[in-house]
Amino acid sequence: MSKKIVNPPRLQGLSRLRVRPKREKNTIPCGQEMAALLGCWQNHGGQTDTAQCANLVAALENCMKTTHRKTKSENTINYHLARLGKLL
């Protein structure tokens, strides 16, 4: 003899299910190249067109061309928990 559950049990006291994502270190892409270039400009009187800083400008441009930004995935755990919360 099997019983059908008419009303499934609900979680008590939880109005919304949510998981906090892990915090990632905020790393600045090309940060070292940018700092080196700004330091070079500061050492040469603030002139941005000096020949001494040309190799640092090229290094920064190369880094910015090769670095790609991360895209956030669409279906996160919070999305699935929200869907589960609607069913409960």
PDB file of N, CA and C in Angstrom:
ATOM      1  N   MET A   1       0.841  -1.162   0.000  1.00  0.00           N
ATOM      2  CA  MET A   1       0.000   0.000   0.000  1.00  0.00           C
ATOM      3  C   MET A   1       0.900   1.243   0.000  1.00  0.00           C
ATOM      4  N   SER A   2       0.825   2.044  -1.034  1.00  0.00           N
ATOM      5  CA  SER A   2       1.649   3.247  -1.124  1.00  0.00           C
ATOM      6  C   SER A   2       0.782   4.482  -0.950  1.00  0.00           C
ATOM      7  N   LYS A   3       1.322   5.435  -0.230  1.00  0.00           N
ATOM      8  CA  LYS A   3       0.602   6.683   0.004  1.00  0.00           C
ATOM      9  C   LYS A   3       1.134   7.748  -0.937  1.00  0.00           C
ATOM     10  N   LYS A   4       0.252   8.542  -1.454  1.00  0.00           N
ATOM     11  CA  LYS A   4       0.664   9.672  -2.281  1.00  0.00           C
ATOM     12  C   LYS A   4       0.806  10.897  -1.380  1.00  0.00           C
ATOM     13  N   ILE A   5       1.876  11.625  -1.584  1.00  0.00           N
ATOM     14  CA  ILE A   5       2.088  12.842  -0.809  1.00  0.00           C
ATOM     15  C   ILE A   5       1.373  13.973  -1.530  1.00  0.00           C
ATOM     16  N   VAL A   6       0.376  14.525  -0.866  1.00  0.00           N
ATOM     17  CA  VAL A   6      -0.409  15.595  -1.473  1.00  0.00           C
ATOM     18  C   VAL A   6       0.364  16.901  -1.423  1.00  0.00           C
ATOM     19  N   ASN A   7       0.870  17.255  -0.269  1.00  0.00           N
ATOM     20  CA  ASN A   7       1.641  18.484  -0.098  1.00  0.00           C
ATOM     21  C   ASN A   7       3.067  18.109   0.290  1.00  0.00           C
ATOM     22  N   PRO A   8       4.039  18.322  -0.592  1.00  0.00           N
ATOM     23  CA  PRO A   8       5.413  17.984  -0.231  1.00  0.00           C
ATOM     24  C   PRO A   8       5.895  18.894   0.900  1.00  0.00           C
ATOM     25  N   PRO A   9       6.794  18.406   1.742  1.00  0.00           N
ATOM     26  CA  PRO A   9       7.277  19.237   2.855  1.00  0.00           C
ATOM     27  C   PRO A   9       8.077  20.427   2.341  1.00  0.00           C
ATOM     28  N   ARG A  10       7.901  21.566   2.995  1.00  0.00           N
ATOM     29  CA  ARG A  10       8.626  22.783   2.629  1.00  0.00           C
ATOM     30  C   ARG A  10       9.700  23.056   3.666  1.00  0.00           C
ATOM     31  N   LEU A  11      10.753  23.704   3.249  1.00  0.00           N
ATOM     32  CA  LEU A  11      11.812  24.080   4.171  1.00  0.00           C
ATOM     33  C   LEU A  11      11.312  25.219   5.055  1.00  0.00           C
ATOM     34  N   GLN A  12      11.492  25.079   6.342  1.00  0.00           N
ATOM     35  CA  GLN A  12      11.016  26.083   7.277  1.00  0.00           C
ATOM     36  C   GLN A  12      12.043  27.197   7.447  1.00  0.00           C
ATOM     37  N   GLY A  13      11.606  28.435   7.396  1.00  0.00           N
ATOM     38  CA  GLY A  13      12.458  29.571   7.695  1.00  0.00           C
ATOM     39  C   GLY A  13      13.360  30.035   6.561  1.00  0.00           C
ATOM     40  N   LEU A  14      13.336  29.385   5.425  1.00  0.00           N
ATOM     41  CA  LEU A  14      14.162  29.816   4.303  1.00  0.00           C
ATOM     42  C   LEU A  14      13.256  30.427   3.247  1.00  0.00           C
ATOM     43  N   SER A  15      13.308  31.736   3.141  1.00  0.00           N
ATOM     44  CA  SER A  15      12.469  32.377   2.139  1.00  0.00           C
ATOM     45  C   SER A  15      13.109  32.320   0.763  1.00  0.00           C
ATOM     46  N   ARG A  16      14.442  32.278   0.732  1.00  0.00           N
ATOM     47  CA  ARG A  16      15.129  32.253  -0.550  1.00  0.00           C
ATOM     48  C   ARG A  16      16.430  31.472  -0.404  1.00  0.00           C
ATOM     49  N   LEU A  17      16.650  30.519  -1.288  1.00  0.00           N
ATOM     50  CA  LEU A  17      17.882  29.743  -1.271  1.00  0.00           C
ATOM     51  C   LEU A  17      18.950  30.492  -2.053  1.00  0.00           C
ATOM     52  N   ARG A  18      20.161  30.583  -1.499  1.00  0.00           N
ATOM     53  CA  ARG A  18      21.222  31.308  -2.184  1.00  0.00           C
ATOM     54  C   ARG A  18      22.575  30.789  -1.704  1.00  0.00           C
ATOM     55  N   VAL A  19      23.505  30.669  -2.624  1.00  0.00           N
ATOM     56  CA  VAL A  19      24.869  30.266  -2.307  1.00  0.00           C
ATOM     57  C   VAL A  19      25.782  31.428  -2.655  1.00  0.00           C
ATOM     58  N   ARG A  20      26.671  31.765  -1.756  1.00  0.00           N
ATOM     59  CA  ARG A  20      27.613  32.846  -2.034  1.00  0.00           C
ATOM     60  C   ARG A  20      28.764  32.299  -2.864  1.00  0.00           C
ATOM     61  N   PRO A  21      29.086  32.965  -3.963  1.00  0.00           N
ATOM     62  CA  PRO A  21      30.208  32.483  -4.784  1.00  0.00           C
ATOM     63  C   PRO A  21      31.535  32.741  -4.084  1.00  0.00           C
ATOM     64  N   LYS A  22      32.532  31.941  -4.424  1.00  0.00           N
ATOM     65  CA  LYS A  22      33.859  32.150  -3.873  1.00  0.00           C
ATOM     66  C   LYS A  22      34.418  33.454  -4.420  1.00  0.00           C
ATOM     67  N   ARG A  23      35.067  34.189  -3.552  1.00  0.00           N
ATOM     68  CA  ARG A  23      35.660  35.447  -3.993  1.00  0.00           C
ATOM     69  C   ARG A  23      36.974  35.172  -4.699  1.00  0.00           C
ATOM     70  N   GLU A  24      37.099  35.748  -5.856  1.00  0.00           N
ATOM     71  CA  GLU A  24      38.334  35.619  -6.608  1.00  0.00           C
ATOM     72  C   GLU A  24      39.184  36.849  -6.346  1.00  0.00           C
ATOM     73  N   LYS A  25      40.476  36.653  -6.394  1.00  0.00           N
ATOM     74  CA  LYS A  25      41.350  37.805  -6.260  1.00  0.00           C
ATOM     75  C   LYS A  25      41.167  38.692  -7.478  1.00  0.00           C
ATOM     76  N   ASN A  26      41.071  39.971  -7.230  1.00  0.00           N
ATOM     77  CA  ASN A  26      40.929  40.911  -8.336  1.00  0.00           C
ATOM     78  C   ASN A  26      42.297  41.161  -8.946  1.00  0.00           C
ATOM     79  N   THR A  27      42.633  40.362  -9.917  1.00  0.00           N
ATOM     80  CA  THR A  27      43.899  40.549 -10.599  1.00  0.00           C
ATOM     81  C   THR A  27      43.665  41.461 -11.787  1.00  0.00           C
ATOM     82  N   ILE A  28      44.512  42.417 -11.921  1.00  0.00           N
ATOM     83  CA  ILE A  28      44.390  43.366 -13.018  1.00  0.00           C
ATOM     84  C   ILE A  28      45.233  42.843 -14.173  1.00  0.00           C
ATOM     85  N   PRO A  29      44.589  42.512 -15.291  1.00  0.00           N
ATOM     86  CA  PRO A  29      45.389  42.061 -16.424  1.00  0.00           C
ATOM     87  C   PRO A  29      46.265  43.208 -16.924  1.00  0.00           C
ATOM     88  N   CYS A  30      47.495  42.907 -17.214  1.00  0.00           N
ATOM     89  CA  CYS A  30      48.477  43.878 -17.708  1.00  0.00           C
ATOM     90  C   CYS A  30      48.811  44.944 -16.665  1.00  0.00           C
ATOM     91  N   GLY A  31      48.605  44.649 -15.399  1.00  0.00           N
ATOM     92  CA  GLY A  31      48.870  45.623 -14.339  1.00  0.00           C
ATOM     93  C   GLY A  31      50.341  45.952 -14.193  1.00  0.00           C
ATOM     94  N   GLN A  32      51.204  44.949 -14.326  1.00  0.00           N
ATOM     95  CA  GLN A  32      52.642  45.198 -14.198  1.00  0.00           C
ATOM     96  C   GLN A  32      53.150  46.064 -15.344  1.00  0.00           C
ATOM     97  N   GLU A  33      52.666  45.800 -16.549  1.00  0.00           N
ATOM     98  CA  GLU A  33      53.089  46.591 -17.701  1.00  0.00           C
ATOM     99  C   GLU A  33      52.632  48.040 -17.568  1.00  0.00           C
ATOM    100  N   MET A  34      51.390  48.223 -17.067  1.00  0.00           N
ATOM    101  CA  MET A  34      50.858  49.576 -16.887  1.00  0.00           C
ATOM    102  C   MET A  34      51.660  50.331 -15.830  1.00  0.00           C
ATOM    103  N   ALA A  35      51.985  49.665 -14.715  1.00  0.00           N
ATOM    104  CA  ALA A  35      52.755  50.316 -13.652  1.00  0.00           C
ATOM    105  C   ALA A  35      54.150  50.698 -14.144  1.00  0.00           C
ATOM    106  N   ALA A  36      54.776  49.822 -14.922  1.00  0.00           N
ATOM    107  CA  ALA A  36      56.108  50.127 -15.451  1.00  0.00           C
ATOM    108  C   ALA A  36      56.061  51.318 -16.399  1.00  0.00           C
ATOM    109  N   LEU A  37      55.034  51.380 -17.241  1.00  0.00           N
ATOM    110  CA  LEU A  37      54.909  52.491 -18.184  1.00  0.00           C
ATOM    111  C   LEU A  37      54.657  53.807 -17.454  1.00  0.00           C
ATOM    112  N   LEU A  38      53.782  53.803 -16.457  1.00  0.00           N
ATOM    113  CA  LEU A  38      53.516  55.033 -15.705  1.00  0.00           C
ATOM    114  C   LEU A  38      54.753  55.489 -14.937  1.00  0.00           C
ATOM    115  N   GLY A  39      55.523  54.529 -14.401  1.00  0.00           N
ATOM    116  CA  GLY A  39      56.767  54.877 -13.719  1.00  0.00           C
ATOM    117  C   GLY A  39      57.784  55.479 -14.665  1.00  0.00           C
ATOM    118  N   CYS A  40      57.864  54.952 -15.868  1.00  0.00           N
ATOM    119  CA  CYS A  40      58.785  55.496 -16.872  1.00  0.00           C
ATOM    120  C   CYS A  40      58.387  56.920 -17.243  1.00  0.00           C
ATOM    121  N   TRP A  41      57.098  57.149 -17.440  1.00  0.00           N
ATOM    122  CA  TRP A  41      56.639  58.500 -17.771  1.00  0.00           C
ATOM    123  C   TRP A  41      56.936  59.468 -16.631  1.00  0.00           C
ATOM    124  N   GLN A  42      56.777  59.000 -15.387  1.00  0.00           N
ATOM    125  CA  GLN A  42      57.043  59.865 -14.243  1.00  0.00           C
ATOM    126  C   GLN A  42      58.531  60.211 -14.156  1.00  0.00           C
ATOM    127  N   ASN A  43      59.390  59.253 -14.448  1.00  0.00           N
ATOM    128  CA  ASN A  43      60.836  59.492 -14.378  1.00  0.00           C
ATOM    129  C   ASN A  43      61.329  60.435 -15.471  1.00  0.00           C
ATOM    130  N   HIS A  44      60.583  60.545 -16.554  1.00  0.00           N
ATOM    131  CA  HIS A  44      61.006  61.390 -17.669  1.00  0.00           C
ATOM    132  C   HIS A  44      60.172  62.666 -17.766  1.00  0.00           C
ATOM    133  N   GLY A  45      59.735  63.176 -16.645  1.00  0.00           N
ATOM    134  CA  GLY A  45      59.076  64.483 -16.604  1.00  0.00           C
ATOM    135  C   GLY A  45      57.646  64.495 -17.110  1.00  0.00           C
ATOM    136  N   GLY A  46      56.984  63.370 -17.165  1.00  0.00           N
ATOM    137  CA  GLY A  46      55.580  63.337 -17.575  1.00  0.00           C
ATOM    138  C   GLY A  46      55.364  63.412 -19.069  1.00  0.00           C
ATOM    139  N   GLN A  47      56.418  63.306 -19.851  1.00  0.00           N
ATOM    140  CA  GLN A  47      56.270  63.346 -21.308  1.00  0.00           C
ATOM    141  C   GLN A  47      55.948  61.940 -21.805  1.00  0.00           C
ATOM    142  N   THR A  48      54.833  61.814 -22.504  1.00  0.00           N
ATOM    143  CA  THR A  48      54.375  60.490 -22.926  1.00  0.00           C
ATOM    144  C   THR A  48      54.979  60.041 -24.244  1.00  0.00           C
ATOM    145  N   ASP A  49      55.696  60.901 -24.934  1.00  0.00           N
ATOM    146  CA  ASP A  49      56.242  60.524 -26.236  1.00  0.00           C
ATOM    147  C   ASP A  49      57.760  60.339 -26.209  1.00  0.00           C
ATOM    148  N   THR A  50      58.313  59.931 -25.064  1.00  0.00           N
ATOM    149  CA  THR A  50      59.760  59.743 -24.975  1.00  0.00           C
ATOM    150  C   THR A  50      60.165  58.420 -25.609  1.00  0.00           C
ATOM    151  N   ALA A  51      61.357  58.394 -26.182  1.00  0.00           N
ATOM    152  CA  ALA A  51      61.858  57.186 -26.840  1.00  0.00           C
ATOM    153  C   ALA A  51      62.252  56.120 -25.824  1.00  0.00           C
ATOM    154  N   GLN A  52      62.574  56.524 -24.582  1.00  0.00           N
ATOM    155  CA  GLN A  52      62.982  55.559 -23.563  1.00  0.00           C
ATOM    156  C   GLN A  52      61.823  54.647 -23.143  1.00  0.00           C
ATOM    157  N   CYS A  53      60.598  55.122 -23.274  1.00  0.00           N
ATOM    158  CA  CYS A  53      59.425  54.346 -22.843  1.00  0.00           C
ATOM    159  C   CYS A  53      58.747  53.610 -23.999  1.00  0.00           C
ATOM    160  N   ALA A  54      59.321  53.662 -25.192  1.00  0.00           N
ATOM    161  CA  ALA A  54      58.676  53.063 -26.363  1.00  0.00           C
ATOM    162  C   ALA A  54      58.537  51.551 -26.224  1.00  0.00           C
ATOM    163  N   ASN A  55      59.551  50.883 -25.636  1.00  0.00           N
ATOM    164  CA  ASN A  55      59.449  49.429 -25.480  1.00  0.00           C
ATOM    165  C   ASN A  55      58.373  49.053 -24.467  1.00  0.00           C
ATOM    166  N   LEU A  56      58.156  49.893 -23.439  1.00  0.00           N
ATOM    167  CA  LEU A  56      57.098  49.620 -22.462  1.00  0.00           C
ATOM    168  C   LEU A  56      55.712  49.838 -23.069  1.00  0.00           C
ATOM    169  N   VAL A  57      55.597  50.830 -23.953  1.00  0.00           N
ATOM    170  CA  VAL A  57      54.329  51.062 -24.648  1.00  0.00           C
ATOM    171  C   VAL A  57      53.990  49.855 -25.517  1.00  0.00           C
ATOM    172  N   ALA A  58      54.995  49.335 -26.228  1.00  0.00           N
ATOM    173  CA  ALA A  58      54.771  48.167 -27.085  1.00  0.00           C
ATOM    174  C   ALA A  58      54.393  46.940 -26.256  1.00  0.00           C
ATOM    175  N   ALA A  59      55.028  46.772 -25.085  1.00  0.00           N
ATOM    176  CA  ALA A  59      54.712  45.630 -24.221  1.00  0.00           C
ATOM    177  C   ALA A  59      53.285  45.720 -23.697  1.00  0.00           C
ATOM    178  N   LEU A  60      52.841  46.928 -23.324  1.00  0.00           N
ATOM    179  CA  LEU A  60      51.473  47.113 -22.835  1.00  0.00           C
ATOM    180  C   LEU A  60      50.457  46.864 -23.947  1.00  0.00           C
ATOM    181  N   GLU A  61      50.723  47.364 -25.141  1.00  0.00           N
ATOM    182  CA  GLU A  61      49.809  47.136 -26.263  1.00  0.00           C
ATOM    183  C   GLU A  61      49.710  45.652 -26.592  1.00  0.00           C
ATOM    184  N   ASN A  62      50.837  44.947 -26.556  1.00  0.00           N
ATOM    185  CA  ASN A  62      50.841  43.510 -26.833  1.00  0.00           C
ATOM    186  C   ASN A  62      50.038  42.754 -25.775  1.00  0.00           C
ATOM    187  N   CYS A  63      50.205  43.139 -24.519  1.00  0.00           N
ATOM    188  CA  CYS A  63      49.470  42.487 -23.438  1.00  0.00           C
ATOM    189  C   CYS A  63      47.972  42.723 -23.578  1.00  0.00           C
ATOM    190  N   MET A  64      47.577  43.937 -23.929  1.00  0.00           N
ATOM    191  CA  MET A  64      46.151  44.253 -24.054  1.00  0.00           C
ATOM    192  C   MET A  64      45.516  43.530 -25.240  1.00  0.00           C
ATOM    193  N   LYS A  65      46.281  43.268 -26.281  1.00  0.00           N
ATOM    194  CA  LYS A  65      45.744  42.544 -27.434  1.00  0.00           C
ATOM    195  C   LYS A  65      45.546  41.067 -27.126  1.00  0.00           C
ATOM    196  N   THR A  66      46.438  40.493 -26.314  1.00  0.00           N
ATOM    197  CA  THR A  66      46.385  39.053 -26.064  1.00  0.00           C
ATOM    198  C   THR A  66      45.510  38.677 -24.876  1.00  0.00           C
ATOM    199  N   THR A  67      45.176  39.620 -23.999  1.00  0.00           N
ATOM    200  CA  THR A  67      44.379  39.317 -22.816  1.00  0.00           C
ATOM    201  C   THR A  67      42.900  39.337 -23.176  1.00  0.00           C
ATOM    202  N   HIS A  68      42.185  38.296 -22.736  1.00  0.00           N
ATOM    203  CA  HIS A  68      40.750  38.208 -22.976  1.00  0.00           C
ATOM    204  C   HIS A  68      40.025  38.258 -21.643  1.00  0.00           C
ATOM    205  N   ARG A  69      38.873  38.889 -21.634  1.00  0.00           N
ATOM    206  CA  ARG A  69      38.074  38.962 -20.415  1.00  0.00           C
ATOM    207  C   ARG A  69      37.296  37.671 -20.225  1.00  0.00           C
ATOM    208  N   LYS A  70      37.079  37.318 -18.956  1.00  0.00           N
ATOM    209  CA  LYS A  70      36.278  36.144 -18.649  1.00  0.00           C
ATOM    210  C   LYS A  70      34.803  36.504 -18.773  1.00  0.00           C
ATOM    211  N   THR A  71      34.034  35.593 -19.327  1.00  0.00           N
ATOM    212  CA  THR A  71      32.598  35.805 -19.400  1.00  0.00           C
ATOM    213  C   THR A  71      31.924  34.922 -18.368  1.00  0.00           C
ATOM    214  N   LYS A  72      30.900  35.443 -17.745  1.00  0.00           N
ATOM    215  CA  LYS A  72      30.197  34.701 -16.714  1.00  0.00           C
ATOM    216  C   LYS A  72      29.241  33.717 -17.376  1.00  0.00           C
ATOM    217  N   SER A  73      29.205  32.501 -16.849  1.00  0.00           N
ATOM    218  CA  SER A  73      28.308  31.505 -17.412  1.00  0.00           C
ATOM    219  C   SER A  73      26.866  31.867 -17.067  1.00  0.00           C
ATOM    220  N   GLU A  74      25.951  31.485 -17.921  1.00  0.00           N
ATOM    221  CA  GLU A  74      24.551  31.855 -17.754  1.00  0.00           C
ATOM    222  C   GLU A  74      23.889  31.120 -16.593  1.00  0.00           C
ATOM    223  N   ASN A  75      24.043  29.810 -16.531  1.00  0.00           N
ATOM    224  CA  ASN A  75      23.348  29.017 -15.528  1.00  0.00           C
ATOM    225  C   ASN A  75      24.245  28.801 -14.315  1.00  0.00           C
ATOM    226  N   THR A  76      24.076  29.636 -13.311  1.00  0.00           N
ATOM    227  CA  THR A  76      24.846  29.504 -12.087  1.00  0.00           C
ATOM    228  C   THR A  76      24.060  28.666 -11.092  1.00  0.00           C
ATOM    229  N   ILE A  77      24.698  28.342  -9.979  1.00  0.00           N
ATOM    230  CA  ILE A  77      24.029  27.558  -8.946  1.00  0.00           C
ATOM    231  C   ILE A  77      22.846  28.332  -8.373  1.00  0.00           C
ATOM    232  N   ASN A  78      22.957  29.667  -8.295  1.00  0.00           N
ATOM    233  CA  ASN A  78      21.848  30.466  -7.772  1.00  0.00           C
ATOM    234  C   ASN A  78      20.632  30.397  -8.696  1.00  0.00           C
ATOM    235  N   TYR A  79      20.861  30.314  -9.989  1.00  0.00           N
ATOM    236  CA  TYR A  79      19.762  30.177 -10.947  1.00  0.00           C
ATOM    237  C   TYR A  79      19.013  28.870 -10.703  1.00  0.00           C
ATOM    238  N   HIS A  80      19.765  27.787 -10.524  1.00  0.00           N
ATOM    239  CA  HIS A  80      19.133  26.490 -10.317  1.00  0.00           C
ATOM    240  C   HIS A  80      18.449  26.413  -8.955  1.00  0.00           C
ATOM    241  N   LEU A  81      19.026  27.050  -7.929  1.00  0.00           N
ATOM    242  CA  LEU A  81      18.372  27.066  -6.624  1.00  0.00           C
ATOM    243  C   LEU A  81      17.076  27.863  -6.663  1.00  0.00           C
ATOM    244  N   ALA A  82      17.043  28.932  -7.435  1.00  0.00           N
ATOM    245  CA  ALA A  82      15.813  29.712  -7.565  1.00  0.00           C
ATOM    246  C   ALA A  82      14.728  28.883  -8.248  1.00  0.00           C
ATOM    247  N   ARG A  83      15.109  28.121  -9.250  1.00  0.00           N
ATOM    248  CA  ARG A  83      14.135  27.250  -9.916  1.00  0.00           C
ATOM    249  C   ARG A  83      13.644  26.165  -8.971  1.00  0.00           C
ATOM    250  N   LEU A  84      14.551  25.600  -8.174  1.00  0.00           N
ATOM    251  CA  LEU A  84      14.173  24.575  -7.214  1.00  0.00           C
ATOM    252  C   LEU A  84      13.247  25.147  -6.148  1.00  0.00           C
ATOM    253  N   GLY A  85      13.516  26.385  -5.717  1.00  0.00           N
ATOM    254  CA  GLY A  85      12.678  27.026  -4.712  1.00  0.00           C
ATOM    255  C   GLY A  85      11.253  27.239  -5.185  1.00  0.00           C
ATOM    256  N   LYS A  86      11.068  27.454  -6.484  1.00  0.00           N
ATOM    257  CA  LYS A  86       9.718  27.626  -7.026  1.00  0.00           C
ATOM    258  C   LYS A  86       8.942  26.318  -7.017  1.00  0.00           C
ATOM    259  N   LEU A  87       9.659  25.206  -7.158  1.00  0.00           N
ATOM    260  CA  LEU A  87       8.995  23.906  -7.189  1.00  0.00           C
ATOM    261  C   LEU A  87       8.633  23.401  -5.796  1.00  0.00           C
ATOM    262  N   LEU A  88       9.366  23.843  -4.789  1.00  0.00           N
ATOM    263  CA  LEU A  88       9.105  23.357  -3.424  1.00  0.00           C
ATOM    264  C   LEU A  88       7.948  24.060  -2.782  1.00  0.00           C
TER     265      LEU A  88
END
